[in-house]
N, C-alpha and C. Protein backbone atom coordinates (compact mmCIF):
# COMPACT_ATOMS: atom_id res chain seq x y z
N UNK A 1 30.71 19.68 66.30
CA UNK A 1 29.83 19.33 65.22
C UNK A 1 30.31 18.08 64.49
N UNK A 2 31.62 17.86 64.45
CA UNK A 2 32.16 16.68 63.78
C UNK A 2 31.75 15.40 64.48
N UNK A 3 31.59 15.48 65.81
CA UNK A 3 31.19 14.30 66.57
C UNK A 3 29.76 13.91 66.20
N UNK A 4 28.90 14.87 65.99
CA UNK A 4 27.52 14.60 65.63
C UNK A 4 27.44 13.89 64.27
N UNK A 5 28.21 14.33 63.32
CA UNK A 5 28.24 13.70 62.00
C UNK A 5 28.75 12.27 62.11
N UNK A 6 29.78 12.06 62.90
CA UNK A 6 30.32 10.72 63.09
C UNK A 6 29.31 9.81 63.79
N UNK A 7 28.61 10.35 64.77
CA UNK A 7 27.61 9.56 65.50
C UNK A 7 26.45 9.16 64.58
N UNK A 8 25.99 10.05 63.75
CA UNK A 8 24.91 9.75 62.81
C UNK A 8 25.38 8.70 61.80
N UNK A 9 26.61 8.84 61.31
CA UNK A 9 27.14 7.87 60.36
C UNK A 9 27.23 6.48 60.98
N UNK A 10 27.76 6.37 62.18
CA UNK A 10 27.88 5.07 62.86
C UNK A 10 26.50 4.48 63.13
N UNK A 11 25.55 5.31 63.53
CA UNK A 11 24.19 4.83 63.79
C UNK A 11 23.55 4.29 62.52
N UNK A 12 23.73 4.98 61.42
CA UNK A 12 23.16 4.51 60.15
C UNK A 12 23.81 3.21 59.70
N UNK A 13 25.09 3.06 59.93
CA UNK A 13 25.78 1.81 59.58
C UNK A 13 25.27 0.66 60.44
N UNK A 14 25.02 0.90 61.71
CA UNK A 14 24.47 -0.15 62.58
C UNK A 14 23.06 -0.56 62.16
N UNK A 15 22.25 0.41 61.79
CA UNK A 15 20.89 0.10 61.34
C UNK A 15 20.94 -0.67 60.02
N UNK A 16 21.79 -0.24 59.10
CA UNK A 16 21.89 -0.94 57.81
C UNK A 16 22.39 -2.36 57.99
N UNK A 17 23.37 -2.56 58.86
CA UNK A 17 23.86 -3.93 59.07
C UNK A 17 22.82 -4.79 59.77
N UNK A 18 22.03 -4.22 60.65
CA UNK A 18 20.96 -4.98 61.30
C UNK A 18 19.91 -5.42 60.29
N UNK A 19 19.55 -4.54 59.40
CA UNK A 19 18.56 -4.88 58.37
C UNK A 19 19.11 -5.95 57.44
N UNK A 20 20.37 -5.84 57.05
CA UNK A 20 20.97 -6.84 56.17
C UNK A 20 21.04 -8.21 56.85
N UNK A 21 21.42 -8.24 58.11
CA UNK A 21 21.47 -9.52 58.83
C UNK A 21 20.08 -10.12 59.01
N UNK A 22 19.08 -9.28 59.22
CA UNK A 22 17.71 -9.77 59.33
C UNK A 22 17.24 -10.39 58.02
N UNK A 23 17.52 -9.73 56.91
CA UNK A 23 17.13 -10.26 55.59
C UNK A 23 17.86 -11.57 55.32
N UNK A 24 19.14 -11.63 55.65
CA UNK A 24 19.92 -12.86 55.47
C UNK A 24 19.33 -14.01 56.30
N UNK A 25 18.94 -13.71 57.53
CA UNK A 25 18.37 -14.73 58.41
C UNK A 25 17.03 -15.23 57.87
N UNK A 26 16.22 -14.33 57.34
CA UNK A 26 14.92 -14.74 56.81
C UNK A 26 15.07 -15.56 55.53
N UNK A 27 16.04 -15.23 54.70
CA UNK A 27 16.24 -16.00 53.46
C UNK A 27 16.73 -17.41 53.73
N UNK A 28 17.55 -17.57 54.75
CA UNK A 28 18.09 -18.90 55.08
C UNK A 28 17.25 -19.64 56.12
N UNK A 29 16.13 -19.07 56.48
CA UNK A 29 15.16 -19.67 57.41
C UNK A 29 15.80 -20.10 58.73
N UNK A 30 16.65 -19.25 59.26
CA UNK A 30 17.27 -19.52 60.55
C UNK A 30 16.28 -19.39 61.70
N UNK A 31 15.22 -18.64 61.50
CA UNK A 31 14.25 -18.43 62.58
C UNK A 31 13.46 -19.69 62.90
N UNK A 32 13.37 -20.63 61.96
CA UNK A 32 12.63 -21.86 62.21
C UNK A 32 13.38 -22.81 63.14
N UNK A 33 14.67 -22.68 63.24
CA UNK A 33 15.44 -23.56 64.10
C UNK A 33 15.13 -23.29 65.57
N UNK A 34 14.82 -22.08 65.93
CA UNK A 34 14.51 -21.76 67.33
C UNK A 34 13.24 -22.49 67.77
N UNK A 35 12.25 -22.59 66.89
CA UNK A 35 11.03 -23.32 67.23
C UNK A 35 11.32 -24.80 67.43
N UNK A 36 12.16 -25.36 66.57
CA UNK A 36 12.49 -26.78 66.69
C UNK A 36 13.27 -27.05 67.98
N UNK A 37 14.20 -26.19 68.31
CA UNK A 37 15.00 -26.38 69.51
C UNK A 37 14.17 -26.20 70.78
N UNK A 38 13.16 -25.35 70.74
CA UNK A 38 12.33 -25.16 71.93
C UNK A 38 11.44 -26.37 72.20
N UNK A 39 11.10 -27.13 71.15
CA UNK A 39 10.27 -28.32 71.33
C UNK A 39 11.10 -29.59 71.50
N UNK A 40 12.40 -29.50 71.38
CA UNK A 40 13.27 -30.67 71.45
C UNK A 40 13.15 -31.44 72.77
N UNK A 41 13.07 -30.79 73.93
CA UNK A 41 12.95 -31.56 75.18
C UNK A 41 11.64 -32.34 75.29
N UNK A 42 10.64 -32.01 74.49
CA UNK A 42 9.35 -32.68 74.57
C UNK A 42 9.27 -33.94 73.72
N UNK A 43 10.26 -34.19 72.87
CA UNK A 43 10.25 -35.37 72.01
C UNK A 43 10.52 -36.62 72.83
N UNK A 44 9.92 -37.74 72.39
CA UNK A 44 10.17 -39.02 73.04
C UNK A 44 11.54 -39.54 72.65
N UNK A 45 12.14 -40.28 73.56
CA UNK A 45 13.42 -40.91 73.25
C UNK A 45 13.17 -42.10 72.34
N UNK A 46 13.85 -42.16 71.23
CA UNK A 46 13.66 -43.27 70.30
C UNK A 46 14.59 -44.43 70.62
N UNK A 47 15.68 -44.17 71.32
CA UNK A 47 16.62 -45.24 71.66
C UNK A 47 16.07 -46.04 72.85
N UNK A 48 16.23 -47.36 72.81
CA UNK A 48 15.75 -48.16 73.95
C UNK A 48 16.57 -47.85 75.19
N UNK A 49 15.89 -47.84 76.31
CA UNK A 49 16.58 -47.53 77.55
C UNK A 49 17.30 -48.77 78.07
N UNK A 50 18.37 -48.56 78.77
CA UNK A 50 19.16 -49.66 79.32
C UNK A 50 18.54 -50.07 80.65
N UNK A 51 18.28 -51.37 80.79
CA UNK A 51 17.68 -51.87 82.03
C UNK A 51 18.75 -51.91 83.11
N UNK A 52 18.40 -51.39 84.27
CA UNK A 52 19.34 -51.39 85.39
C UNK A 52 19.03 -52.55 86.31
N UNK A 53 20.08 -53.18 86.77
CA UNK A 53 19.89 -54.29 87.70
C UNK A 53 20.06 -53.78 89.12
N UNK A 54 19.58 -54.55 90.07
CA UNK A 54 19.66 -54.14 91.47
C UNK A 54 21.04 -54.41 92.06
N UNK A 55 21.86 -55.17 91.36
CA UNK A 55 23.17 -55.55 91.86
C UNK A 55 24.17 -54.42 91.73
N UNK A 56 25.39 -54.68 92.19
CA UNK A 56 26.44 -53.65 92.09
C UNK A 56 26.82 -53.39 90.64
N UNK A 57 27.33 -52.20 90.41
CA UNK A 57 27.65 -51.83 89.03
C UNK A 57 28.98 -52.43 88.58
N UNK A 58 29.87 -52.78 89.51
CA UNK A 58 31.13 -53.39 89.11
C UNK A 58 30.99 -54.90 89.09
N UNK A 59 31.74 -55.58 88.24
CA UNK A 59 31.62 -57.04 88.18
C UNK A 59 32.07 -57.66 89.51
N UNK A 60 31.26 -58.57 89.97
CA UNK A 60 31.57 -59.19 91.27
C UNK A 60 32.42 -60.44 91.05
N UNK A 61 33.33 -60.67 91.96
CA UNK A 61 34.16 -61.87 91.90
C UNK A 61 33.58 -62.89 92.86
N UNK A 62 33.59 -64.10 92.43
CA UNK A 62 33.03 -65.16 93.29
C UNK A 62 34.07 -65.58 94.31
N UNK A 63 33.66 -65.64 95.54
CA UNK A 63 34.56 -66.07 96.61
C UNK A 63 34.13 -67.45 97.06
N UNK A 64 35.08 -68.36 97.15
CA UNK A 64 34.75 -69.73 97.53
C UNK A 64 35.10 -70.01 98.94
């Protein structure tokens, strides 16, 4: 019977902590960040892209 009382107590503590964390998350508006992060790959790049040349990537030395 002692195990049942302990199990009910632990279950109630888990439920209470879940509710408290949910209220904390709603007050600090953490749920809105997930929407922003899900749309992040769809945003245009604002930085100019670097033009690539057809030549080699390492500096070439002139041979005479």
